[in-house]
Structure formats: C-alpha cells, structure tokens
C-alpha cells in the first residue's frame, strides 16, 4: 500500500502541469495602428478622440501580447485649416491607449497628417486657390509605441 501511494505521488509530480509563465512586452515596443474610419481635418477639432486598431499581432517570445484588431484611442492635439494660396490643412494625433484583455495600457507617439498643397496655383499667382484638407485614410498604417510594459499570462 505504501509503495502504491508513493508511486501515485511520484506520478503526480512528474506529470504536473507547470504554471504558465508571464510574458512581458517592454515599454517602447512598436505597435502598428490604423484608423477604423477616415479622419478628415474638415470634420474635427483639437481635443476630438479618434479610433484606431492594431494592424498586426504584437508578439513577445512567441506569445501574442497585443492581438490584431485591439482597440486604440487617439486624440487630435493640433489642427490647421486649409489656407489661401495653396496652403494645405494639417493635423496631429497623439496615441493614448491600447486595450488588451479588458485593460487599457498607455501608448505614446504622434502622427502628423498633411493635405496636399496646391503650390502650382500659388506659384501662378492665384491667391483665390486654397489647399486641400488633410485626410488619414481608413487602414493607413502608422507606428505608435507602448509607454509601459504589458504583461500577459
């Protein structure tokens, strides 16, 4: 009986499932993001939020830490309108958070989008010609960075 109990204990120890190790994605890891819909300087103002999503899985040591499609929030931090003489509109979006497993983690980084100027018209002397709005197209991939480590089990 003692031998059987000892064998059962040894078997349990040999075949015990090890606890899953944590995987830590370090701060300053690049995360490629893209807007979920077009963002246009025509329809925004400073302080507006913008929705993005992660373009590709972010993997650390073979483990997906940030899955493709994870929600990303950004905020419009600067904007100019289009001007006369061919001057184009511009805006800047700052990346704020990415949501992983129901928790928001801080991101950092900015992207500046510029409209196409109308410099040919400006060079021809027409001050009545204006530039174009700045538009960041749905799916346009840009980099952001993690601002803090992200840990998954």
Protein backbone atom coordinates (compact mmCIF):
# COMPACT_ATOMS: atom_id res chain seq x y z
CA UNK A 1 0.00 0.00 0.00
CA UNK A 2 2.84 2.37 0.88
CA UNK A 3 4.52 1.60 -2.41
CA UNK A 4 1.32 2.40 -4.34
CA UNK A 5 0.87 5.75 -2.54
CA UNK A 6 4.49 6.63 -3.16
CA UNK A 7 4.15 5.76 -6.87
CA UNK A 8 0.99 7.85 -7.18
CA UNK A 9 2.77 10.80 -5.57
CA UNK A 10 5.77 10.44 -7.91
CA UNK A 11 3.45 10.23 -10.93
CA UNK A 12 1.61 13.36 -9.86
CA UNK A 13 4.89 15.23 -9.50
CA UNK A 14 6.20 14.06 -12.87
CA UNK A 15 3.04 14.94 -14.80
CA UNK A 16 2.03 18.10 -13.00
CA UNK A 17 1.20 20.92 -15.39
CA UNK A 18 3.63 23.77 -14.80
CA UNK A 19 2.17 27.20 -14.07
CA UNK A 20 2.12 29.41 -17.12
CA UNK A 21 4.93 31.92 -17.10
CA UNK A 22 4.16 35.57 -17.55
CA UNK A 23 5.23 37.26 -20.77
CA UNK A 24 6.19 40.93 -20.56
CA UNK A 25 6.16 43.19 -23.60
CA UNK A 26 8.59 46.00 -22.75
CA UNK A 27 7.85 49.71 -22.94
CA UNK A 28 8.90 51.39 -26.21
CA UNK A 29 7.76 48.43 -28.34
CA UNK A 30 6.43 49.48 -31.75
CA UNK A 31 2.74 48.82 -32.36
CA UNK A 32 1.41 49.43 -35.88
CA UNK A 33 -2.04 51.03 -35.79
CA UNK A 34 -4.56 52.25 -38.37
CA UNK A 35 -7.74 54.36 -38.16
CA UNK A 36 -11.02 52.40 -38.19
CA UNK A 37 -12.53 55.07 -40.46
CA UNK A 38 -11.24 58.11 -42.39
CA UNK A 39 -10.12 61.04 -40.25
CA UNK A 40 -10.51 64.40 -42.01
CA UNK A 41 -9.44 67.88 -40.96
CA UNK A 42 -12.82 69.06 -42.31
CA UNK A 43 -14.76 67.23 -39.60
CA UNK A 44 -12.61 67.61 -36.48
CA UNK A 45 -11.29 69.99 -33.88
CA UNK A 46 -8.50 69.82 -31.34
CA UNK A 47 -9.41 67.55 -28.44
CA UNK A 48 -11.56 65.17 -30.52
CA UNK A 49 -10.95 61.46 -29.99
CA UNK A 50 -10.00 59.18 -32.87
CA UNK A 51 -10.42 55.39 -33.01
CA UNK A 52 -7.66 53.12 -34.28
CA UNK A 53 -6.96 49.41 -34.20
CA UNK A 54 -3.80 47.31 -34.09
CA UNK A 55 -2.81 46.14 -37.59
CA UNK A 56 -0.71 43.04 -36.71
CA UNK A 57 -0.31 40.80 -33.68
CA UNK A 58 2.44 42.09 -31.39
CA UNK A 59 4.42 39.04 -30.28
CA UNK A 60 6.98 38.67 -27.48
CA UNK A 61 8.86 35.35 -27.07
CA UNK A 62 6.32 33.55 -29.23
CA UNK A 63 3.31 34.82 -27.25
CA UNK A 64 0.74 37.21 -28.72
CA UNK A 65 0.64 40.09 -26.23
CA UNK A 66 -1.41 42.58 -28.26
CA UNK A 67 -3.76 40.89 -30.74
CA UNK A 68 -4.51 42.25 -34.19
CA UNK A 69 -7.69 44.33 -34.04
CA UNK A 70 -7.16 45.53 -30.43
CA UNK A 71 -8.80 48.93 -29.88
CA UNK A 72 -6.56 52.01 -29.75
CA UNK A 73 -7.60 55.51 -28.70
CA UNK A 74 -6.01 58.67 -30.01
CA UNK A 75 -6.67 62.36 -29.55
CA UNK A 76 -6.36 65.24 -32.03
CA UNK A 77 -3.78 67.55 -30.45
CA UNK A 78 -3.23 70.08 -33.24
CA UNK A 79 -5.05 71.17 -36.38
CA UNK A 80 -4.83 73.86 -39.03
CA UNK A 81 -7.36 74.59 -41.74
CA UNK A 82 -6.54 74.88 -45.41
CA UNK A 83 -5.50 78.33 -46.44
CA UNK A 84 -5.40 80.60 -49.43
CA UNK A 85 -2.53 80.46 -51.84
CA UNK A 86 -2.46 76.67 -51.93
CA UNK A 87 -1.71 76.08 -48.24
CA UNK A 88 -2.94 72.64 -47.13
CA UNK A 89 -4.60 71.64 -43.86
CA UNK A 90 -2.68 69.62 -41.28
CA UNK A 91 -3.45 67.76 -38.06
CA UNK A 92 -1.65 65.74 -35.44
CA UNK A 93 -3.00 62.78 -33.49
CA UNK A 94 -1.42 61.53 -30.23
CA UNK A 95 -1.86 57.86 -29.40
CA UNK A 96 -3.19 57.33 -25.86
CA UNK A 97 -4.18 53.74 -25.04
CA UNK A 98 -4.46 50.20 -26.37
CA UNK A 99 -6.95 47.82 -24.76
CA UNK A 100 -5.71 44.28 -24.06
CA UNK A 101 -7.75 41.77 -22.09
CA UNK A 102 -10.18 44.46 -20.97
CA UNK A 103 -7.43 46.71 -19.59
CA UNK A 104 -6.18 49.97 -21.15
CA UNK A 105 -2.40 50.35 -21.39
CA UNK A 106 -0.68 53.65 -22.17
CA UNK A 107 0.75 54.36 -25.61
CA UNK A 108 2.91 57.21 -26.80
CA UNK A 109 3.79 58.75 -30.10
CA UNK A 110 2.18 61.11 -32.59
CA UNK A 111 1.37 61.15 -36.26
CA UNK A 112 1.10 64.30 -38.38
CA UNK A 113 -1.11 64.20 -41.47
CA UNK A 114 -0.88 66.90 -44.14
CA UNK A 115 -3.19 67.63 -47.03
CA UNK A 116 -1.83 68.07 -50.49
CA UNK A 117 -0.93 71.65 -51.23
CA UNK A 118 -1.87 73.49 -54.34
CA UNK A 119 1.50 75.12 -54.83
CA UNK A 120 1.28 75.24 -58.63
CA UNK A 121 -1.71 77.57 -58.36
CA UNK A 122 0.09 79.58 -55.70
CA UNK A 123 3.13 79.93 -57.94
CA UNK A 124 0.91 81.16 -60.76
CA UNK A 125 -0.18 83.99 -58.51
CA UNK A 126 -3.73 82.97 -57.72
CA UNK A 127 -4.48 83.85 -54.10
CA UNK A 128 -8.04 82.60 -54.53
CA UNK A 129 -6.93 78.97 -54.76
CA UNK A 130 -6.88 77.08 -51.47
CA UNK A 131 -5.09 73.90 -50.43
CA UNK A 132 -6.65 70.56 -49.61
CA UNK A 133 -7.96 69.08 -46.38
CA UNK A 134 -5.76 66.60 -44.53
CA UNK A 135 -7.21 63.08 -44.56
CA UNK A 136 -5.89 59.99 -42.81
CA UNK A 137 -7.48 57.07 -44.66
CA UNK A 138 -9.03 54.03 -43.01
CA UNK A 139 -6.36 51.34 -42.83
CA UNK A 140 -3.43 53.78 -43.19
CA UNK A 141 -0.78 52.10 -41.03
CA UNK A 142 1.35 54.26 -38.72
CA UNK A 143 3.59 53.42 -35.73
CA UNK A 144 2.85 54.00 -32.04
CA UNK A 145 4.90 52.89 -29.02
CA UNK A 146 3.96 51.20 -25.78
CA UNK A 147 4.52 53.62 -22.90
CA UNK A 148 4.55 50.91 -20.23
CA UNK A 149 5.26 47.18 -20.04
CA UNK A 150 2.29 44.93 -20.84
CA UNK A 151 2.13 41.60 -19.01
CA UNK A 152 0.09 38.57 -20.10
CA UNK A 153 -0.16 35.05 -18.70
